[in-house]
Amino acid sequence: MATQVLAAAQRWLLGLMMACYVLAGVFPGPGEWLRGLTLRLPVGGAVLPLPALLLAVMLVNAGLGARVRDLGTALRRPLRLAVGVVANALLPAVVLPAVALCLRSWPDPQEVEALLVGLMLVLAMPVAGGAATWGQQAGGNVPLAVAMVMGSTLLSPFTVPLGLRLTGFLVGPGGIGGLDDTARLDKIAGAGVGTFALASVVLPALVGIALRTLLGERRIAPLMPSVKAVNLVNILLLCYINAAGALGRAVAHPDPDLFVLALGMSGVVCCLSFLLGRWMSVWTRCESPDSVSLTFAAGMNNSSAAAVLAAVWFSHRPEVLLPVLAYSLLQKVTAGAVGGRLSSEGGVVDRSAREAGPVPAGTREGR
């Protein structure tokens, strides 16, 4: 019975996330209280906010779902892997200037700044674990997709600060907004974001991989249903907590033009990311399974990590969360549409995807 409930919840994950967003807009108080909870670590007296802890647990689960043999298989063809990781890392540099140019005439530079920072946080994040799942359903190369997720994760302590500095340039005195918040963006980029990515993204994922290696496939297999349940609860709880600040304020002080702008630009950027991934797969002449994996690697980013980072470092600007939350939903809708199109183009699912078996539960993150 529990297995059936869990399977149904995964099928309706998008609807459940929408319900969490509605709940956060109507009853934001509990979410804001949960976001304020912290855990004091025994080493060095560091303080870990609850959203960062939930994100770390999610990334441990993702690491548990990464088969080491899959990573080894992908490393035998390093060019495809490098293209996918580099495509994900360079997305902010390609997309953000185009978005900034489109928004030059928007009358409120504060809204432009919030939108650019939110989109940057998503685009600078590593490939979402869900890219492996969606890619498998469309006939992609699953080992390659998993390797892209892990490769981009390892690069995140470098790519996220670079993305922040790029955004600071675009919205600073010489950029589109002419704002004075550039110093804050540079300070965060230099001091906190790289450490955040290392502690909350990279290390938990490596811990999960190490645990899977130490325990072995036989011992891990019985634990996967529990991992799946914890992951699902984490996803929905993070959705509610992260949305509470932004959507609660949006309901209390409605700003329809900002809401429509965030939704529209997030949709455009999401579609553009998938199109860039598809174009790169054609340009590099990837075989069909590799092409599918590259498309999803470029199109799907870890929006949960972006939302936690926005809630922690930009709590004074809750509107920064709006494009992050919009992107989180829209990339799933886009992934479903792209997956259906690629499946119809590819015909039969590639043998490599079938041999890899179902993507383990830990990698099915709902971002």
Protein backbone atom coordinates (compact mmCIF):
# COMPACT_ATOMS: atom_id res chain seq x y z
CA MET A 1 0.00 0.00 0.00
CA ALA A 2 2.79 2.42 0.94
CA THR A 3 4.56 1.65 -2.34
CA GLN A 4 1.41 2.44 -4.32
CA VAL A 5 0.91 5.73 -2.46
CA LEU A 6 4.52 6.69 -3.13
CA ALA A 7 4.23 5.84 -6.82
CA ALA A 8 1.04 7.89 -7.11
CA ALA A 9 2.69 10.83 -5.34
CA GLN A 10 5.59 10.75 -7.81
CA ARG A 11 3.21 10.71 -10.76
CA TRP A 12 1.39 13.74 -9.37
CA LEU A 13 4.50 15.51 -8.12
CA LEU A 14 3.90 18.63 -10.21
CA GLY A 15 0.39 18.98 -8.81
CA LEU A 16 1.65 18.45 -5.26
CA MET A 17 4.25 21.17 -5.77
CA MET A 18 1.53 23.52 -7.00
CA ALA A 19 -0.47 22.71 -3.86
CA CYS A 20 2.58 23.58 -1.73
CA TYR A 21 2.88 26.92 -3.54
CA VAL A 22 -0.78 27.69 -2.90
CA LEU A 23 -0.40 26.72 0.75
CA ALA A 24 2.68 28.95 1.04
CA GLY A 25 0.76 31.89 -0.40
CA VAL A 26 -2.25 31.45 1.86
CA PHE A 27 -0.49 30.29 5.06
CA PRO A 28 3.12 31.55 4.87
CA GLY A 29 3.66 31.81 8.65
CA PRO A 30 4.70 28.21 9.40
CA GLY A 31 7.01 28.19 6.37
CA GLU A 32 8.75 31.39 7.46
CA TRP A 33 9.15 29.97 10.97
CA LEU A 34 10.66 26.75 9.60
CA ARG A 35 13.00 28.74 7.38
CA GLY A 36 14.30 30.52 10.48
CA LEU A 37 15.26 27.28 12.26
CA THR A 38 18.98 26.53 12.41
CA LEU A 39 21.21 23.65 13.42
CA ARG A 40 24.48 24.45 15.18
CA LEU A 41 27.16 22.08 13.95
CA PRO A 42 29.54 20.57 16.52
CA VAL A 43 32.57 21.45 14.40
CA GLY A 44 33.58 25.10 14.38
CA GLY A 45 30.26 26.30 15.77
CA ALA A 46 28.85 26.79 12.25
CA VAL A 47 25.10 27.34 11.89
CA LEU A 48 23.14 25.47 9.20
CA PRO A 49 19.66 26.79 8.26
CA LEU A 50 16.93 24.16 7.97
CA PRO A 51 16.48 24.65 4.18
CA ALA A 52 20.21 24.04 3.65
CA LEU A 53 19.99 20.90 5.80
CA LEU A 54 17.03 19.60 3.77
CA LEU A 55 18.92 20.32 0.56
CA ALA A 56 21.95 18.43 1.88
CA VAL A 57 19.78 15.40 2.68
CA MET A 58 18.33 15.55 -0.84
CA LEU A 59 21.81 15.61 -2.38
CA VAL A 60 22.90 12.66 -0.22
CA ASN A 61 19.93 10.77 -1.65
CA ALA A 62 20.99 11.80 -5.16
CA GLY A 63 24.48 10.48 -4.47
CA LEU A 64 23.02 7.20 -3.24
CA GLY A 65 21.30 6.87 -6.60
CA ALA A 66 24.48 7.36 -8.66
CA ARG A 67 25.99 4.04 -9.69
CA VAL A 68 29.78 4.24 -9.78
CA ARG A 69 29.87 1.88 -12.74
CA ASP A 70 27.67 4.30 -14.66
CA LEU A 71 30.15 7.10 -14.03
CA GLY A 72 32.98 4.86 -15.22
CA THR A 73 31.09 4.06 -18.42
CA ALA A 74 30.62 7.75 -19.21
CA LEU A 75 34.29 8.54 -18.54
CA ARG A 76 35.26 6.27 -21.43
CA ARG A 77 33.82 8.94 -23.75
CA PRO A 78 35.05 12.14 -22.09
CA LEU A 79 34.25 14.48 -25.00
CA ARG A 80 30.48 14.03 -24.67
CA LEU A 81 30.71 14.44 -20.90
CA ALA A 82 32.81 17.60 -21.20
CA VAL A 83 30.39 19.14 -23.71
CA GLY A 84 27.45 18.59 -21.37
CA VAL A 85 29.20 19.99 -18.30
CA VAL A 86 30.60 23.00 -20.17
CA ALA A 87 27.20 23.71 -21.76
CA ASN A 88 25.61 23.83 -18.33
CA ALA A 89 28.41 26.00 -16.89
CA LEU A 90 28.32 28.57 -19.72
CA LEU A 91 24.54 29.02 -19.80
CA PRO A 92 24.52 32.13 -17.54
CA ALA A 93 27.08 33.87 -19.74
CA VAL A 94 24.98 33.19 -22.85
CA VAL A 95 21.45 33.71 -21.53
CA LEU A 96 21.69 36.46 -18.89
CA PRO A 97 23.06 39.23 -21.17
CA ALA A 98 20.24 38.50 -23.64
CA VAL A 99 17.66 38.73 -20.84
CA ALA A 100 19.23 41.96 -19.56
CA LEU A 101 19.08 43.46 -23.05
CA CYS A 102 15.39 42.57 -23.37
CA LEU A 103 14.64 44.23 -20.04
CA ARG A 104 16.48 47.51 -20.66
CA SER A 105 13.23 49.43 -21.10
CA TRP A 106 11.47 47.98 -18.03
CA PRO A 107 10.58 50.96 -15.80
CA ASP A 108 11.53 49.44 -12.42
CA PRO A 109 15.26 48.57 -12.15
CA GLN A 110 14.69 46.91 -8.76
CA GLU A 111 12.40 44.35 -10.39
CA VAL A 112 14.91 43.81 -13.18
CA GLU A 113 17.63 43.18 -10.62
CA ALA A 114 15.50 40.67 -8.70
CA LEU A 115 14.61 38.85 -11.90
CA LEU A 116 18.20 38.64 -13.15
CA VAL A 117 19.55 37.48 -9.78
CA GLY A 118 16.85 34.80 -9.48
CA LEU A 119 17.43 33.49 -13.00
CA MET A 120 21.19 33.54 -12.46
CA LEU A 121 20.84 31.45 -9.31
CA VAL A 122 18.98 28.79 -11.29
CA LEU A 123 21.23 28.81 -14.35
CA ALA A 124 24.44 28.75 -12.29
CA MET A 125 23.34 25.63 -10.42
CA PRO A 126 24.47 22.15 -11.49
CA VAL A 127 22.43 19.85 -13.70
CA ALA A 128 19.33 18.60 -11.91
CA GLY A 129 19.23 14.92 -11.00
CA GLY A 130 15.84 14.80 -12.72
CA ALA A 131 17.65 15.24 -16.06
CA ALA A 132 18.71 11.59 -15.85
CA THR A 133 15.13 10.47 -15.24
CA TRP A 134 13.59 12.54 -18.02
CA GLY A 135 16.44 11.60 -20.34
CA GLN A 136 15.93 7.90 -19.72
CA GLN A 137 12.22 8.18 -20.53
CA ALA A 138 13.14 9.83 -23.85
CA GLY A 139 15.75 7.16 -24.71
CA GLY A 140 18.84 8.99 -23.50
CA ASN A 141 22.21 7.67 -22.35
CA VAL A 142 21.61 7.29 -18.61
CA PRO A 143 25.27 6.80 -17.51
CA LEU A 144 26.23 9.93 -19.45
CA ALA A 145 23.40 11.93 -17.86
CA VAL A 146 24.37 10.82 -14.34
CA ALA A 147 28.02 11.72 -15.04
CA MET A 148 26.93 15.18 -16.26
CA VAL A 149 24.99 15.71 -13.04
CA MET A 150 27.99 14.81 -10.92
CA GLY A 151 30.49 16.73 -13.08
CA SER A 152 28.47 19.94 -12.95
CA THR A 153 27.93 19.44 -9.21
CA LEU A 154 31.68 19.31 -8.63
CA LEU A 155 32.09 22.56 -10.60
CA SER A 156 29.34 24.43 -8.72
CA PRO A 157 31.66 26.09 -6.12
CA PHE A 158 33.25 27.89 -9.09
CA THR A 159 30.31 28.42 -11.45
CA VAL A 160 27.92 29.93 -8.90
CA PRO A 161 30.28 32.77 -7.77
CA LEU A 162 31.11 33.53 -11.41
CA GLY A 163 27.40 33.76 -12.20
CA LEU A 164 26.89 36.20 -9.33
CA ARG A 165 29.71 38.41 -10.52
CA LEU A 166 28.27 38.40 -14.04
CA THR A 167 24.89 39.46 -12.65
CA GLY A 168 26.54 42.19 -10.58
CA PHE A 169 28.11 43.54 -13.76
CA LEU A 170 24.78 43.49 -15.62
CA VAL A 171 22.77 45.27 -12.91
CA GLY A 172 25.53 47.48 -11.52
CA PRO A 173 26.40 51.13 -12.27
CA GLY A 174 27.54 50.29 -15.79
CA GLY A 175 24.80 47.77 -16.45
CA ILE A 176 21.10 47.73 -17.03
CA GLY A 177 19.95 48.81 -13.59
CA GLY A 178 22.63 51.20 -12.44
CA LEU A 179 22.08 49.97 -8.88
CA ASP A 180 24.36 50.07 -5.85
CA ASP A 181 23.72 46.44 -4.84
CA THR A 182 26.64 45.26 -6.97
CA ALA A 183 28.98 45.40 -3.98
CA ARG A 184 26.70 43.01 -2.11
CA LEU A 185 26.65 40.57 -5.04
CA ASP A 186 30.46 40.68 -5.26
CA LYS A 187 30.76 40.17 -1.50
CA ILE A 188 28.46 37.14 -1.56
CA ALA A 189 30.27 35.74 -4.59
CA GLY A 190 33.64 36.10 -2.90
CA ALA A 191 32.72 34.99 0.60
CA GLY A 192 29.69 32.76 0.89
CA VAL A 193 28.27 31.22 -2.25
CA GLY A 194 31.23 29.02 -3.12
CA THR A 195 31.29 27.68 0.43
CA PHE A 196 27.53 27.14 0.31
CA ALA A 197 27.81 25.16 -2.93
CA LEU A 198 30.64 23.08 -1.51
CA ALA A 199 28.96 22.34 1.83
CA SER A 200 25.34 21.97 0.70
CA VAL A 201 25.72 20.53 -2.81
CA VAL A 202 29.09 18.90 -3.48
CA LEU A 203 29.93 17.25 -0.15
CA PRO A 204 26.46 15.70 0.42
CA ALA A 205 26.49 14.23 -3.09
CA LEU A 206 29.96 12.75 -2.51
CA VAL A 207 28.80 11.35 0.85
CA GLY A 208 25.92 9.60 -0.91
CA ILE A 209 28.24 8.10 -3.54
CA ALA A 210 30.67 6.95 -0.84
CA LEU A 211 27.85 5.31 1.15
CA ARG A 212 26.60 3.44 -1.92
CA THR A 213 30.14 2.25 -2.68
CA LEU A 214 30.79 1.11 0.90
CA LEU A 215 27.43 -0.61 1.42
CA GLY A 216 27.27 -2.23 -2.00
CA GLU A 217 24.33 -2.77 -4.35
CA ARG A 218 22.75 -5.58 -2.31
CA ARG A 219 22.55 -3.55 0.89
CA ILE A 220 21.47 -0.36 -0.86
CA ALA A 221 18.57 -1.92 -2.79
CA PRO A 222 16.32 -2.55 0.28
CA LEU A 223 16.92 1.04 1.44
CA MET A 224 15.82 2.68 -1.79
CA PRO A 225 12.06 2.78 -0.98
CA SER A 226 12.88 4.69 2.20
CA VAL A 227 15.25 6.95 0.27
CA LYS A 228 12.45 7.63 -2.21
CA ALA A 229 10.00 8.53 0.59
CA VAL A 230 12.48 10.85 2.32
CA ASN A 231 13.29 12.49 -1.00
CA LEU A 232 9.62 13.14 -1.75
CA VAL A 233 8.98 14.68 1.68
CA ASN A 234 12.13 16.81 1.28
CA ILE A 235 11.01 18.09 -2.11
CA LEU A 236 7.56 19.14 -0.92
CA LEU A 237 8.79 20.62 2.36
CA LEU A 238 11.45 22.64 0.56
CA CYS A 239 8.82 23.83 -1.93
CA TYR A 240 6.63 25.09 0.89
CA ILE A 241 9.43 26.68 2.95
CA ASN A 242 11.09 28.40 0.00
CA ALA A 243 7.80 29.67 -1.41
CA ALA A 244 6.47 30.97 1.91
CA GLY A 245 8.43 34.22 1.91
CA ALA A 246 7.97 35.16 -1.75
CA LEU A 247 4.39 34.04 -2.33
CA GLY A 248 3.19 35.15 1.11
CA ARG A 249 4.38 38.65 0.32
CA ALA A 250 2.97 38.44 -3.21
CA VAL A 251 -0.47 37.66 -1.82
CA ALA A 252 -0.27 40.33 0.91
CA HIS A 253 1.13 43.00 -1.45
CA PRO A 254 0.19 41.94 -4.98
CA ASP A 255 2.34 43.14 -7.87
CA PRO A 256 0.76 41.59 -10.99
CA ASP A 257 3.25 43.00 -13.49
CA LEU A 258 6.23 41.55 -11.58
CA PHE A 259 4.49 38.18 -11.27
CA VAL A 260 3.71 38.05 -14.99
CA LEU A 261 7.23 39.21 -15.86
CA ALA A 262 8.83 36.54 -13.66
CA LEU A 263 6.62 33.82 -15.11
CA GLY A 264 7.10 34.94 -18.71
CA MET A 265 10.88 35.41 -18.57
CA SER A 266 11.37 32.16 -16.67
CA GLY A 267 9.44 30.35 -19.38
CA VAL A 268 11.46 31.98 -22.16
CA VAL A 269 14.80 31.23 -20.46
CA CYS A 270 13.76 27.64 -19.72
CA CYS A 271 12.80 26.99 -23.36
CA LEU A 272 15.97 28.71 -24.56
CA SER A 273 18.11 26.47 -22.33
CA PHE A 274 16.57 23.34 -23.84
CA LEU A 275 17.00 24.75 -27.36
CA LEU A 276 20.68 25.52 -26.72
CA GLY A 277 21.21 21.98 -25.48
CA ARG A 278 19.50 20.60 -28.57
CA TRP A 279 21.55 22.85 -30.84
CA MET A 280 24.80 21.76 -29.19
CA SER A 281 23.89 18.10 -29.62
CA VAL A 282 23.32 18.70 -33.34
CA TRP A 283 26.49 20.80 -33.67
CA THR A 284 28.63 18.10 -32.02
CA ARG A 285 26.89 15.36 -34.05
CA CYS A 286 25.97 13.30 -31.01
CA GLU A 287 24.30 9.95 -31.49
CA SER A 288 20.63 9.91 -30.54
CA PRO A 289 21.00 8.70 -26.89
CA ASP A 290 23.86 11.12 -26.17
CA SER A 291 21.93 13.92 -27.88
CA VAL A 292 18.93 13.37 -25.60
CA SER A 293 21.10 13.43 -22.47
CA LEU A 294 22.88 16.60 -23.57
CA THR A 295 19.56 18.33 -24.26
CA PHE A 296 18.24 17.61 -20.77
CA ALA A 297 21.58 18.42 -19.10
CA ALA A 298 21.52 21.90 -20.64
CA GLY A 299 17.83 22.42 -19.97
CA MET A 300 17.46 21.27 -16.35
CA ASN A 301 19.15 22.92 -13.38
CA ASN A 302 18.95 22.22 -9.67
CA SER A 303 16.27 24.77 -8.83
CA SER A 304 15.93 23.47 -5.25
CA ALA A 305 19.50 24.54 -4.52
CA ALA A 306 18.82 27.89 -6.19
CA ALA A 307 15.71 28.44 -4.04
CA VAL A 308 17.60 27.63 -0.83
CA LEU A 309 20.42 29.97 -1.80
CA ALA A 310 17.93 32.74 -2.61
CA ALA A 311 16.13 32.25 0.72
CA VAL A 312 19.38 32.25 2.71
CA TRP A 313 21.38 35.02 1.02
CA PHE A 314 18.58 37.21 -0.35
CA SER A 315 16.03 37.05 2.46
CA HIS A 316 15.83 40.86 2.30
CA ARG A 317 14.63 40.54 -1.31
CA PRO A 318 11.91 37.84 -1.36
CA GLU A 319 11.00 38.79 -4.93
CA VAL A 320 14.26 37.12 -6.02
CA LEU A 321 12.52 33.82 -5.30
CA LEU A 322 9.70 34.44 -7.79
CA PRO A 323 11.64 33.54 -10.98
CA VAL A 324 13.26 30.60 -9.16
CA LEU A 325 9.89 29.15 -8.16
CA ALA A 326 8.45 29.78 -11.63
CA TYR A 327 11.44 28.13 -13.27
CA SER A 328 11.16 25.11 -10.99
CA LEU A 329 7.66 24.36 -12.25
CA LEU A 330 8.16 25.36 -15.87
CA GLN A 331 11.26 23.24 -16.42
CA LYS A 332 9.25 20.12 -15.51
CA VAL A 333 6.49 21.08 -17.92
CA THR A 334 9.07 21.79 -20.64
CA ALA A 335 10.95 18.57 -19.89
CA GLY A 336 7.73 16.59 -20.37
CA ALA A 337 7.06 18.28 -23.71
CA VAL A 338 10.65 17.91 -24.93
CA GLY A 339 10.79 14.30 -23.75
CA GLY A 340 7.64 13.45 -25.69
CA ARG A 341 9.04 15.10 -28.82
CA LEU A 342 12.42 13.36 -28.56
CA SER A 343 10.77 10.00 -27.89
CA SER A 344 8.68 10.30 -31.04
CA GLU A 345 11.75 11.34 -33.05
CA GLY A 346 13.96 8.59 -31.65
CA GLY A 347 11.45 5.78 -32.01
CA VAL A 348 12.83 2.89 -30.01
CA VAL A 349 14.58 3.59 -26.73
CA ASP A 350 18.31 3.04 -26.98
CA ARG A 351 19.69 -0.18 -25.62
CA SER A 352 22.06 1.63 -23.28
CA ALA A 353 19.13 3.25 -21.52
CA ARG A 354 17.39 -0.07 -21.06
CA GLU A 355 20.50 -1.80 -19.79
CA ALA A 356 21.02 0.91 -17.19
CA GLY A 357 17.63 0.05 -15.69
CA PRO A 358 15.41 2.48 -13.83
CA VAL A 359 17.09 5.57 -12.53
CA PRO A 360 17.48 5.02 -8.75
CA ALA A 361 15.11 6.84 -6.47
CA GLY A 362 17.72 9.18 -5.07
CA THR A 363 18.23 10.88 -8.43
CA ARG A 364 14.54 11.58 -8.99
CA GLU A 365 14.60 15.02 -7.48
CA GLY A 366 11.53 17.12 -8.07
CA ARG A 367 13.29 20.30 -9.07
